[in-house]
Amino acid sequence: MDNIESSPEQGKLVNDSLTQTWQRLAPIAMCYFFVKLLYVFFSNLFFLIPAVIFGYKHIINNPWIWLPALLGVVIFIGLIVFLNFYFFQYRLANEHIEIRSGIFSKKHINLPFTRIQNVKLVQPIYYRPFGYTCLELDTAGSAQQEAKIVALKLSFAEALKKEILTTHDQNNIQSAEINREQGHEKIVETNTQYETILNTRSLKDLIIHGITNNRVWIFLGGLAPFLDDMGRYVDTFFQNLGIDIEQLLTFADKSWWQISLWALTLTFLILLPIVLFSVMGSIITFYNYTLSKVGDRYIRRSGLLTKHEVTMKLSRLQMIYRQQDWLDILLNRINLTFEQNNVIGQNVQPGGLNNKIMVPSITADECQTLINDVFPDNTMETLSYTRISKRFLLRNIGYILTPLFIVLSVFAATTGKFTLLNYLVPAYLILSGLVFCRWYRWGYARDKDFLYVRKGVLGVDYCCFPIYKVQQTKFIQSVFMKRHQLCSLSIVLASGAVNIPYINEQQGYNMTNELLYQVEESRRSWM
């Protein structure tokens, strides 16, 4: 194995006789299989709770068996890890990569270099001191990563990555009438061009991203079933310290400024650890972030504990997504995402998605510079957007929220629960306001080459995609929409569907026909 990993500079790896025989991984790969086993265990911990409770009670009743039980678990884990390592083999031959794996369910992957679209290097923290990395490969339209070699020397993985991309480019040149139409010259030469850094993120930027993108309300909603128990625990904790929480929270004898100060302090104490947790997640995911470009490929590198390197070819880019939550708007920051084919059902870390590249918390100027680099002819900044029909408001407020509010109000009045109205009225007004914001944001526009969709509630998001990337359009019209000459459009790309609801029926027909005609007339590939 060591001989193989020192050979990349000597010529093509697939021509190396050593790589054409089946190779085992380095022993450090057992660390990867151990971590993977722990991940599977904790992912299914909920289903194992009854067994854990039963086993715990049994051990308490029979304390002399805990040591053999623990020893048995350790032996079982060690055996599973070793067998996964032992049965994992790979080889390179005839511009193919082959992988055999599995203990009971055998898996054999044979992946030609020409089918590989993305090459990703992931370096967990336990690999770094030894110079190892994971090589992940996926193909166009795949529902999951096609191949993964979990422990290669970093130098060998880099050389293999370069050879795969070069082979893929050479194959494209042989059938590349489309590339000539797009003005691409020899794509093979792109791998020898200098790497240009397009964007980096500082620690300050990552802290801002963690603050603006934390979902504290989701976290608090998840804690709702445990709030009573947590409240009793906090009360007991402070009583042990000699502090009477109930007396402090008695507001009858306190002035308004004392009550306000208490409310602000309590809110701050609740939100602070959650925001810190979000900031920590942002730093771990995007630390040392760089977005660079080599020829027609974008490369994103980031990660504090696990280093990720994602490569995306420009021709595979489906759409750009420009996102601003309300805090992003206040701080004048934008999250920009480059999306390609949608990998459904893939369990990956947020920063390690293989089907997209995200640039977190950039300024408006930085965002537009990147958008112009990807889509030079876009007119996102200068276009005016057409809003969807006001019947969106009538449907959601007039036909859903208002009848529900009336029914609940009548129920409160007839049962004498008038205090319920103190909650119903604000809830009705807030929800109606959110629906209005949703309608106000939702709009669409198009120019010669691109379609743009704007949406949002408190924040605002824009998506932009070339029209020739469209794979399918859906014209949706219910009975009530037809009566008012309205329709909804769903435009399907490889990265997912973009929806435009409640637009004029004739505009929907025209847009559908124009999009499909332009796709057919251009004859350009979506990848």
Protein backbone atom coordinates (compact mmCIF):
# COMPACT_ATOMS: atom_id res chain seq x y z
CA MET A 1 0.00 0.00 0.00
CA ASP A 2 2.79 2.44 0.83
CA ASN A 3 4.38 1.78 -2.56
CA ILE A 4 1.13 2.58 -4.30
CA GLU A 5 0.69 5.84 -2.46
CA SER A 6 4.13 7.08 -3.37
CA SER A 7 3.65 6.49 -7.09
CA PRO A 8 1.32 9.26 -8.37
CA GLU A 9 4.15 11.37 -9.73
CA GLN A 10 5.49 8.43 -11.74
CA GLY A 11 2.60 8.26 -14.22
CA LYS A 12 -1.04 7.41 -14.46
CA LEU A 13 -2.33 5.51 -11.48
CA VAL A 14 -4.46 3.18 -13.59
CA ASN A 15 -1.34 2.17 -15.51
CA ASP A 16 0.45 1.24 -12.30
CA SER A 17 0.47 -2.55 -12.06
CA LEU A 18 0.20 -2.32 -8.28
CA THR A 19 -3.10 -0.45 -8.40
CA GLN A 20 -4.63 -2.99 -10.81
CA THR A 21 -4.62 -5.67 -8.13
CA TRP A 22 -7.10 -5.64 -5.28
CA GLN A 23 -5.84 -3.42 -2.43
CA ARG A 24 -6.79 -3.29 1.22
CA LEU A 25 -7.10 -0.08 3.19
CA ALA A 26 -4.57 1.18 5.68
CA PRO A 27 -5.29 -0.02 9.25
CA ILE A 28 -6.29 3.51 10.26
CA ALA A 29 -9.51 2.89 8.29
CA MET A 30 -10.76 0.98 11.34
CA CYS A 31 -11.15 4.37 13.04
CA TYR A 32 -13.58 5.36 10.29
CA PHE A 33 -15.62 2.16 10.63
CA PHE A 34 -15.70 2.59 14.42
CA VAL A 35 -17.02 6.16 14.15
CA LYS A 36 -19.56 5.05 11.54
CA LEU A 37 -20.78 2.28 13.86
CA LEU A 38 -21.19 4.80 16.69
CA TYR A 39 -23.16 7.07 14.36
CA VAL A 40 -25.52 4.23 13.43
CA PHE A 41 -25.94 3.36 17.12
CA PHE A 42 -26.82 6.88 18.24
CA SER A 43 -29.06 7.40 15.19
CA ASN A 44 -31.15 4.42 16.34
CA LEU A 45 -30.83 5.11 20.06
CA PHE A 46 -34.56 5.82 20.36
CA PHE A 47 -35.42 2.30 19.23
CA LEU A 48 -32.81 0.83 21.59
CA ILE A 49 -34.13 2.58 24.71
CA PRO A 50 -36.34 -0.36 25.83
CA ALA A 51 -33.41 -2.78 25.51
CA VAL A 52 -31.11 -0.37 27.37
CA ILE A 53 -33.65 0.06 30.21
CA PHE A 54 -34.19 -3.69 30.48
CA GLY A 55 -30.46 -4.38 30.41
CA TYR A 56 -29.78 -1.67 33.00
CA LYS A 57 -32.36 -3.07 35.41
CA HIS A 58 -31.04 -6.58 34.88
CA ILE A 59 -27.49 -5.46 35.62
CA ILE A 60 -28.62 -3.58 38.76
CA ASN A 61 -30.30 -6.74 39.99
CA ASN A 62 -27.27 -8.85 39.00
CA PRO A 63 -24.22 -6.55 39.38
CA TRP A 64 -21.77 -9.41 38.88
CA ILE A 65 -22.64 -9.66 35.16
CA TRP A 66 -21.79 -6.05 34.14
CA LEU A 67 -18.14 -6.82 33.39
CA PRO A 68 -18.80 -9.80 31.08
CA ALA A 69 -21.60 -7.84 29.36
CA LEU A 70 -19.32 -4.87 28.79
CA LEU A 71 -16.55 -7.14 27.55
CA GLY A 72 -18.99 -8.82 25.16
CA VAL A 73 -20.10 -5.45 23.74
CA VAL A 74 -16.47 -4.37 23.23
CA ILE A 75 -15.61 -7.64 21.49
CA PHE A 76 -18.69 -7.38 19.27
CA ILE A 77 -17.86 -3.79 18.24
CA GLY A 78 -14.23 -4.69 17.61
CA LEU A 79 -15.25 -7.69 15.50
CA ILE A 80 -17.69 -5.65 13.36
CA VAL A 81 -15.09 -2.91 12.83
CA PHE A 82 -12.38 -5.41 11.86
CA LEU A 83 -14.63 -7.34 9.46
CA ASN A 84 -15.72 -4.11 7.72
CA PHE A 85 -12.06 -3.22 7.33
CA TYR A 86 -11.06 -6.71 6.19
CA PHE A 87 -13.74 -7.08 3.51
CA PHE A 88 -13.20 -3.61 2.04
CA GLN A 89 -11.01 -3.73 -1.09
CA TYR A 90 -10.52 -1.52 -4.11
CA ARG A 91 -8.55 -1.41 -7.35
CA LEU A 92 -8.01 0.85 -10.37
CA ALA A 93 -8.06 -0.73 -13.82
CA ASN A 94 -8.84 0.43 -17.36
CA GLU A 95 -10.02 3.86 -16.18
CA HIS A 96 -12.46 2.24 -13.76
CA ILE A 97 -12.56 2.21 -10.00
CA GLU A 98 -13.85 -0.96 -8.37
CA ILE A 99 -14.85 -1.35 -4.73
CA ARG A 100 -15.85 -4.48 -2.84
CA SER A 101 -17.31 -4.19 0.63
CA GLY A 102 -19.79 -5.68 3.08
CA ILE A 103 -19.74 -8.45 5.68
CA PHE A 104 -22.99 -10.32 5.09
CA SER A 105 -24.45 -8.26 2.25
CA LYS A 106 -21.70 -8.06 -0.36
CA LYS A 107 -21.46 -4.94 -2.54
CA HIS A 108 -19.38 -4.58 -5.70
CA ILE A 109 -19.15 -1.18 -7.39
CA ASN A 110 -17.57 -0.74 -10.83
CA LEU A 111 -17.51 2.95 -11.70
CA PRO A 112 -15.96 4.29 -14.95
CA PHE A 113 -14.02 7.54 -14.60
CA THR A 114 -16.11 9.03 -17.42
CA ARG A 115 -19.30 8.72 -15.35
CA ILE A 116 -17.89 10.49 -12.33
CA GLN A 117 -19.18 14.04 -12.01
CA ASN A 118 -18.06 15.08 -8.53
CA VAL A 119 -14.94 14.23 -6.55
CA LYS A 120 -14.97 15.11 -2.88
CA LEU A 121 -12.21 14.77 -0.28
CA VAL A 122 -13.30 14.51 3.35
CA GLN A 123 -10.61 14.47 6.03
CA PRO A 124 -11.88 13.61 9.53
CA ILE A 125 -9.90 14.95 12.46
CA TYR A 126 -8.53 11.51 13.35
CA TYR A 127 -7.02 11.19 9.83
CA ARG A 128 -5.16 14.50 9.79
CA PRO A 129 -2.10 13.63 11.91
CA PHE A 130 -1.43 10.64 9.62
CA GLY A 131 -2.14 12.35 6.28
CA TYR A 132 -5.15 10.24 5.25
CA THR A 133 -8.47 11.23 3.72
CA CYS A 134 -11.78 9.80 2.38
CA LEU A 135 -12.42 9.95 -1.36
CA GLU A 136 -16.11 10.25 -2.31
CA LEU A 137 -17.36 10.02 -5.89
CA ASP A 138 -20.81 10.51 -7.35
CA THR A 139 -22.38 10.47 -10.81
CA ALA A 140 -25.03 12.58 -12.49
CA GLY A 141 -28.54 11.96 -11.24
CA SER A 142 -27.47 9.47 -8.58
CA ALA A 143 -29.64 9.14 -5.51
CA GLN A 144 -26.61 8.53 -3.33
CA GLN A 145 -22.85 8.68 -3.51
CA GLU A 146 -21.73 5.96 -5.88
CA ALA A 147 -18.36 5.17 -4.40
CA LYS A 148 -16.32 5.92 -1.32
CA ILE A 149 -12.80 4.83 -0.42
CA VAL A 150 -12.56 5.55 3.25
CA ALA A 151 -8.80 5.75 3.85
CA LEU A 152 -6.27 6.90 1.26
CA LYS A 153 -3.05 8.81 1.63
CA LEU A 154 -3.82 12.45 0.91
CA SER A 155 -1.18 12.71 -1.84
CA PHE A 156 -2.53 9.57 -3.54
CA ALA A 157 -6.14 10.82 -3.28
CA GLU A 158 -5.19 14.17 -4.80
CA ALA A 159 -3.44 12.46 -7.71
CA LEU A 160 -6.38 10.09 -8.25
CA LYS A 161 -8.80 13.01 -8.17
CA LYS A 162 -6.78 14.85 -10.81
CA GLU A 163 -6.65 11.77 -13.03
CA ILE A 164 -10.40 11.14 -12.75
CA LEU A 165 -11.26 14.74 -13.66
CA THR A 166 -8.80 14.74 -16.57
CA THR A 167 -10.22 11.49 -17.94
CA HIS A 168 -13.73 12.87 -17.62
CA ASP A 169 -12.73 16.03 -19.49
CA GLN A 170 -11.07 14.09 -22.29
CA ASN A 171 -14.23 12.07 -22.74
CA ASN A 172 -16.24 15.27 -22.95
CA ILE A 173 -13.97 16.68 -25.64
CA GLN A 174 -14.58 13.68 -27.88
CA SER A 175 -18.35 14.33 -27.89
CA ALA A 176 -18.27 18.04 -27.09
CA GLU A 177 -20.23 19.84 -29.74
CA ILE A 178 -22.16 21.40 -26.86
CA ASN A 179 -18.94 22.60 -25.26
CA ARG A 180 -17.91 24.31 -28.49
CA GLU A 181 -21.30 26.05 -28.63
CA GLN A 182 -20.68 27.36 -25.12
CA GLY A 183 -17.25 28.65 -26.09
CA HIS A 184 -15.31 26.08 -24.06
CA GLU A 185 -11.96 25.20 -25.52
CA LYS A 186 -10.03 22.18 -24.38
CA ILE A 187 -11.48 21.26 -21.02
CA VAL A 188 -8.45 19.09 -20.32
CA GLU A 189 -6.44 22.25 -19.99
CA THR A 190 -8.62 23.51 -17.15
CA ASN A 191 -6.98 21.11 -14.72
CA THR A 192 -3.59 22.68 -15.41
CA GLN A 193 -4.80 26.28 -14.97
CA TYR A 194 -4.04 28.25 -11.86
CA GLU A 195 -6.51 28.12 -9.01
CA THR A 196 -8.18 31.46 -8.35
CA ILE A 197 -9.65 32.17 -4.91
CA LEU A 198 -13.07 33.79 -5.31
CA ASN A 199 -14.11 34.15 -1.68
CA THR A 200 -12.99 33.45 1.88
CA ARG A 201 -14.87 33.72 5.16
CA SER A 202 -13.36 35.21 8.31
CA LEU A 203 -14.16 34.16 11.87
CA LYS A 204 -16.32 37.29 12.21
CA ASP A 205 -18.36 36.23 9.16
CA LEU A 206 -18.91 32.75 10.63
CA ILE A 207 -20.06 34.21 13.95
CA ILE A 208 -22.57 36.40 12.10
CA HIS A 209 -23.74 33.37 10.14
CA GLY A 210 -24.25 31.39 13.34
CA ILE A 211 -26.28 34.23 14.88
CA THR A 212 -28.47 34.94 11.85
CA ASN A 213 -29.17 31.33 10.92
CA ASN A 214 -29.89 29.69 14.25
CA ARG A 215 -33.39 28.24 14.52
CA VAL A 216 -34.05 28.95 18.20
CA TRP A 217 -37.83 28.58 17.85
CA ILE A 218 -37.45 25.06 16.46
CA PHE A 219 -35.22 24.14 19.40
CA LEU A 220 -37.65 25.61 21.92
CA GLY A 221 -40.54 23.83 20.21
CA GLY A 222 -38.69 20.53 20.59
CA LEU A 223 -38.21 21.26 24.31
CA ALA A 224 -41.92 21.97 24.86
CA PRO A 225 -42.78 18.51 26.32
CA PHE A 226 -39.96 18.85 28.86
CA LEU A 227 -40.50 22.45 30.00
CA ASP A 228 -42.37 21.47 33.19
CA ASP A 229 -39.64 19.06 34.28
CA MET A 230 -36.96 21.60 33.40
CA GLY A 231 -38.81 24.28 35.39
CA ARG A 232 -38.95 22.07 38.49
CA TYR A 233 -35.28 21.20 38.10
CA VAL A 234 -34.31 24.88 37.85
CA ASP A 235 -36.46 25.76 40.86
CA THR A 236 -34.86 22.98 42.94
CA PHE A 237 -31.37 24.01 41.79
CA PHE A 238 -31.83 27.64 42.92
CA GLN A 239 -33.50 26.62 46.17
CA ASN A 240 -30.39 24.59 47.01
CA LEU A 241 -28.43 27.82 46.48
CA GLY A 242 -30.77 29.69 48.85
CA ILE A 243 -32.61 31.61 46.09
CA ASP A 244 -36.43 31.63 46.06
CA ILE A 245 -37.41 31.81 42.38
CA GLU A 246 -41.14 32.10 43.08
CA GLN A 247 -40.60 35.17 45.24
CA LEU A 248 -38.40 36.77 42.60
CA LEU A 249 -41.04 36.15 39.92
CA THR A 250 -43.88 37.68 41.97
CA PHE A 251 -44.54 40.93 40.10
CA ALA A 252 -47.38 42.38 42.21
CA ASP A 253 -45.07 44.60 44.26
CA LYS A 254 -42.62 45.46 41.45
CA SER A 255 -42.52 48.41 39.08
CA TRP A 256 -42.76 48.10 35.30
CA TRP A 257 -39.04 48.66 34.74
CA GLN A 258 -38.16 45.83 37.15
CA ILE A 259 -40.54 43.48 35.33
CA SER A 260 -39.09 44.51 31.95
CA LEU A 261 -35.56 44.01 33.22
CA TRP A 262 -36.43 40.54 34.50
CA ALA A 263 -38.04 39.63 31.16
CA LEU A 264 -35.02 40.81 29.17
CA THR A 265 -32.61 39.02 31.48
CA LEU A 266 -34.58 35.76 31.33
CA THR A 267 -34.83 35.97 27.53
CA PHE A 268 -31.10 36.61 27.25
CA LEU A 269 -30.25 33.67 29.52
CA ILE A 270 -32.46 31.34 27.47
CA LEU A 271 -31.24 32.48 24.05
CA LEU A 272 -27.54 32.88 24.84
CA PRO A 273 -26.58 29.18 25.06
CA ILE A 274 -28.65 28.36 21.97
CA VAL A 275 -27.05 31.15 19.94
CA LEU A 276 -23.60 30.08 21.16
CA PHE A 277 -24.38 26.52 20.09
CA SER A 278 -25.39 27.78 16.62
CA VAL A 279 -22.23 29.90 16.34
CA MET A 280 -20.12 26.92 17.33
CA GLY A 281 -21.81 24.80 14.65
CA SER A 282 -21.15 27.50 12.04
CA ILE A 283 -17.45 27.66 12.96
CA ILE A 284 -17.06 23.87 12.96
CA THR A 285 -18.73 23.60 9.55
CA PHE A 286 -17.23 26.57 7.70
CA TYR A 287 -13.89 27.19 9.44
CA ASN A 288 -11.09 28.21 7.04
CA TYR A 289 -13.64 28.54 4.23
CA THR A 290 -12.37 29.15 0.71
CA LEU A 291 -14.24 29.14 -2.58
CA SER A 292 -11.90 28.90 -5.55
CA LYS A 293 -12.10 28.23 -9.25
CA VAL A 294 -9.94 26.21 -11.63
CA GLY A 295 -11.09 26.55 -15.22
CA ASP A 296 -14.78 25.64 -15.21
CA ARG A 297 -14.75 23.98 -11.79
CA TYR A 298 -15.64 25.51 -8.43
CA ILE A 299 -13.94 24.12 -5.34
CA ARG A 300 -15.15 24.67 -1.79
CA ARG A 301 -12.92 23.80 1.17
CA SER A 302 -13.94 24.17 4.81
CA GLY A 303 -14.20 22.41 8.15
CA LEU A 304 -12.66 22.60 11.60
CA LEU A 305 -12.90 19.00 12.82
CA THR A 306 -13.61 17.34 9.47
CA LYS A 307 -12.18 19.02 6.40
CA HIS A 308 -14.43 18.95 3.34
CA GLU A 309 -13.43 19.60 -0.24
CA VAL A 310 -16.29 19.73 -2.74
CA THR A 311 -15.77 20.14 -6.49
CA MET A 312 -18.59 21.29 -8.76
CA LYS A 313 -18.38 21.64 -12.51
CA LEU A 314 -20.03 24.78 -13.92
CA SER A 315 -22.02 22.78 -16.50
CA ARG A 316 -23.65 20.81 -13.66
CA LEU A 317 -24.83 23.90 -11.81
CA GLN A 318 -28.62 24.03 -11.97
CA MET A 319 -29.55 27.17 -10.08
CA ILE A 320 -28.30 29.78 -7.62
CA TYR A 321 -30.22 30.49 -4.45
CA ARG A 322 -29.85 33.87 -2.72
CA GLN A 323 -31.25 33.77 0.82
CA GLN A 324 -31.80 36.49 3.42
CA ASP A 325 -33.61 35.96 6.72
CA TRP A 326 -34.79 39.02 8.63
CA LEU A 327 -31.57 39.15 10.66
CA ASP A 328 -29.54 38.88 7.45
CA ILE A 329 -31.45 41.88 6.11
CA LEU A 330 -30.68 43.91 9.24
CA LEU A 331 -26.98 43.04 9.03
CA ASN A 332 -26.86 43.29 5.21
CA ARG A 333 -25.70 39.68 4.79
CA ILE A 334 -26.68 37.03 2.24
CA ASN A 335 -26.31 33.26 2.02
CA LEU A 336 -25.58 32.18 -1.55
CA THR A 337 -26.00 28.55 -2.61
CA PHE A 338 -24.95 26.87 -5.86
CA GLU A 339 -27.22 23.87 -6.42
CA GLN A 340 -26.77 20.94 -8.77
CA ASN A 341 -28.59 17.59 -8.94
CA ASN A 342 -30.64 16.91 -5.84
CA VAL A 343 -29.29 14.04 -3.73
CA ILE A 344 -32.36 12.73 -1.96
CA GLY A 345 -32.26 10.77 1.24
CA GLN A 346 -28.57 11.22 1.80
CA ASN A 347 -27.36 11.40 5.37
CA VAL A 348 -24.64 13.99 5.35
CA GLN A 349 -23.52 16.80 7.57
CA PRO A 350 -24.84 20.29 6.83
CA GLY A 351 -21.51 21.57 5.66
CA GLY A 352 -20.71 18.51 3.67
CA LEU A 353 -23.52 18.35 1.16
CA ASN A 354 -22.15 16.96 -2.05
CA ASN A 355 -24.86 18.44 -4.27
CA LYS A 356 -24.40 22.11 -3.40
CA ILE A 357 -21.87 24.76 -2.49
CA MET A 358 -22.90 27.35 0.06
CA VAL A 359 -21.16 30.69 0.63
CA PRO A 360 -22.29 31.87 4.09
CA SER A 361 -22.98 35.45 5.21
CA ILE A 362 -21.50 37.46 2.35
CA THR A 363 -22.19 41.10 1.55
CA ALA A 364 -24.42 42.21 -1.31
CA ASP A 365 -21.43 43.21 -3.47
CA GLU A 366 -19.66 39.89 -2.86
CA CYS A 367 -22.88 38.04 -3.67
CA GLN A 368 -23.44 39.83 -6.95
CA THR A 369 -19.80 39.32 -7.96
CA LEU A 370 -20.17 35.54 -7.49
CA ILE A 371 -23.52 35.48 -9.31
CA ASN A 372 -22.00 37.38 -12.23
CA ASP A 373 -19.09 34.92 -12.33
CA VAL A 374 -21.50 31.98 -12.58
CA PHE A 375 -24.16 33.57 -14.81
CA PRO A 376 -22.52 36.58 -16.52
CA ASP A 377 -25.69 37.56 -18.43
CA ASN A 378 -28.08 37.60 -15.45
CA THR A 379 -30.19 40.70 -14.75
CA MET A 380 -31.35 39.84 -11.23
CA GLU A 381 -30.54 43.29 -9.82
CA THR A 382 -32.37 45.32 -12.48
CA LEU A 383 -35.55 43.30 -13.11
CA SER A 384 -38.98 44.17 -11.71
CA TYR A 385 -40.93 41.18 -10.38
CA THR A 386 -44.58 40.37 -11.08
CA ARG A 387 -46.47 39.51 -7.89
CA ILE A 388 -48.79 36.54 -7.71
CA SER A 389 -52.58 37.10 -7.60
CA LYS A 390 -54.27 38.62 -4.52
CA ARG A 391 -56.51 35.58 -4.49
CA PHE A 392 -53.65 33.93 -2.61
CA LEU A 393 -54.65 36.23 0.29
CA LEU A 394 -58.35 35.48 -0.15
CA ARG A 395 -57.75 31.72 -0.09
CA ASN A 396 -55.49 31.65 2.98
CA ILE A 397 -56.97 34.48 5.05
CA GLY A 398 -60.57 34.59 3.83
CA TYR A 399 -61.26 30.87 3.38
CA ILE A 400 -58.98 29.28 5.99
CA LEU A 401 -57.87 31.60 8.82
CA THR A 402 -61.01 33.73 9.16
CA PRO A 403 -63.56 30.85 9.37
CA LEU A 404 -61.31 29.05 11.84
CA PHE A 405 -61.02 32.22 13.93
CA ILE A 406 -64.81 32.73 13.90
CA VAL A 407 -65.52 29.13 14.94
CA LEU A 408 -63.05 29.30 17.84
CA SER A 409 -64.34 32.72 18.92
CA VAL A 410 -67.94 31.49 18.96
CA PHE A 411 -66.84 28.46 20.96
CA ALA A 412 -65.05 30.71 23.49
CA ALA A 413 -68.09 32.99 23.81
CA THR A 414 -70.66 30.21 24.21
CA THR A 415 -68.59 28.35 26.81
CA GLY A 416 -67.74 31.50 28.75
CA LYS A 417 -63.99 31.15 28.12
CA PHE A 418 -63.52 34.79 27.18
CA THR A 419 -59.85 34.73 28.17
CA LEU A 420 -59.29 32.50 25.15
CA LEU A 421 -59.98 35.54 22.96
CA ASN A 422 -56.88 37.19 24.41
CA TYR A 423 -54.88 34.56 22.55
CA LEU A 424 -57.08 34.09 19.48
CA VAL A 425 -57.11 37.70 18.34
CA PRO A 426 -53.30 38.23 18.41
CA ALA A 427 -52.76 34.80 16.80
CA TYR A 428 -55.23 35.63 14.00
CA LEU A 429 -53.62 39.03 13.36
CA ILE A 430 -50.07 37.62 13.38
CA LEU A 431 -50.89 34.73 11.05
CA SER A 432 -52.76 37.04 8.69
CA GLY A 433 -49.76 39.37 8.68
CA LEU A 434 -47.43 36.48 7.82
CA VAL A 435 -49.69 35.40 4.96
CA PHE A 436 -49.68 38.96 3.64
CA CYS A 437 -45.86 39.08 3.81
CA ARG A 438 -45.75 35.78 1.97
CA TRP A 439 -47.95 37.16 -0.82
CA TYR A 440 -46.04 40.44 -0.95
CA ARG A 441 -42.70 38.66 -1.42
CA TRP A 442 -43.79 36.03 -3.97
CA GLY A 443 -43.06 37.09 -7.51
CA TYR A 444 -41.39 36.07 -10.75
CA ALA A 445 -39.53 37.57 -13.71
CA ARG A 446 -37.66 36.41 -16.76
CA ASP A 447 -35.32 37.67 -19.41
CA LYS A 448 -33.90 36.13 -22.56
CA ASP A 449 -31.87 33.38 -20.83
CA PHE A 450 -32.97 33.15 -17.19
CA LEU A 451 -36.04 32.72 -15.02
CA TYR A 452 -36.11 34.37 -11.58
CA VAL A 453 -38.40 33.60 -8.65
CA ARG A 454 -38.64 35.68 -5.46
CA LYS A 455 -40.28 34.49 -2.25
CA GLY A 456 -40.07 34.76 1.53
CA VAL A 457 -41.99 35.87 4.62
CA LEU A 458 -39.94 38.06 6.95
CA GLY A 459 -36.84 37.52 4.83
CA VAL A 460 -36.52 37.37 1.06
CA ASP A 461 -35.04 34.66 -1.19
CA TYR A 462 -34.23 34.75 -4.90
CA CYS A 463 -33.54 31.80 -7.16
CA CYS A 464 -32.17 32.11 -10.67
CA PHE A 465 -31.65 29.38 -13.26
CA PRO A 466 -30.94 29.18 -17.00
CA ILE A 467 -34.05 28.30 -18.96
CA TYR A 468 -32.30 25.53 -20.90
CA LYS A 469 -31.84 23.65 -17.58
CA VAL A 470 -35.61 23.07 -17.32
CA GLN A 471 -36.49 19.38 -17.49
CA GLN A 472 -40.25 19.48 -16.97
CA THR A 473 -43.10 21.92 -16.40
CA LYS A 474 -46.36 21.25 -14.58
CA PHE A 475 -49.47 23.34 -15.22
CA ILE A 476 -51.71 23.02 -12.15
CA GLN A 477 -55.27 24.34 -12.04
CA SER A 478 -58.03 23.47 -9.58
CA VAL A 479 -61.74 24.03 -10.26
CA PHE A 480 -61.77 27.25 -8.23
CA MET A 481 -58.60 28.54 -9.91
CA LYS A 482 -60.05 27.81 -13.36
CA ARG A 483 -63.17 29.84 -12.50
CA HIS A 484 -60.96 32.87 -11.87
CA GLN A 485 -58.57 32.13 -14.76
CA LEU A 486 -55.63 31.37 -12.49
CA CYS A 487 -53.07 28.57 -12.40
CA SER A 488 -49.90 27.45 -10.64
CA LEU A 489 -46.67 26.43 -12.34
CA SER A 490 -44.15 23.91 -11.09
CA ILE A 491 -40.86 24.06 -12.99
CA VAL A 492 -38.71 20.98 -12.47
CA LEU A 493 -34.91 21.00 -12.67
CA ALA A 494 -32.37 18.39 -11.67
CA SER A 495 -31.96 20.24 -8.36
CA GLY A 496 -35.67 20.18 -7.57
CA ALA A 497 -38.91 22.00 -8.35
CA VAL A 498 -39.54 25.76 -8.35
CA ASN A 499 -43.18 26.73 -7.77
CA ILE A 500 -45.04 29.86 -8.87
CA PRO A 501 -48.63 29.81 -7.55
CA TYR A 502 -51.66 31.93 -8.43
CA ILE A 503 -50.64 33.53 -11.70
CA ASN A 504 -52.80 34.49 -14.66
CA GLU A 505 -53.91 31.48 -16.68
CA GLN A 506 -52.80 32.92 -20.02
CA GLN A 507 -49.43 33.92 -18.58
CA GLY A 508 -49.02 30.37 -17.32
CA TYR A 509 -49.74 28.90 -20.77
CA ASN A 510 -47.39 31.36 -22.44
CA MET A 511 -44.58 30.78 -19.97
CA THR A 512 -44.88 26.99 -20.26
CA ASN A 513 -44.78 27.11 -24.06
CA GLU A 514 -41.89 29.57 -24.15
CA LEU A 515 -39.80 27.63 -21.64
CA LEU A 516 -40.25 24.31 -23.43
CA TYR A 517 -39.64 25.87 -26.83
CA GLN A 518 -36.41 27.48 -25.64
CA VAL A 519 -35.24 24.19 -24.11
CA GLU A 520 -35.93 22.31 -27.36
CA GLU A 521 -34.49 25.02 -29.58
CA SER A 522 -31.23 25.42 -27.61
CA ARG A 523 -30.48 21.65 -27.55
CA ARG A 524 -28.08 22.26 -24.66
CA SER A 525 -27.46 19.63 -22.02
CA TRP A 526 -28.51 20.28 -18.41
CA MET A 527 -25.21 18.79 -17.16
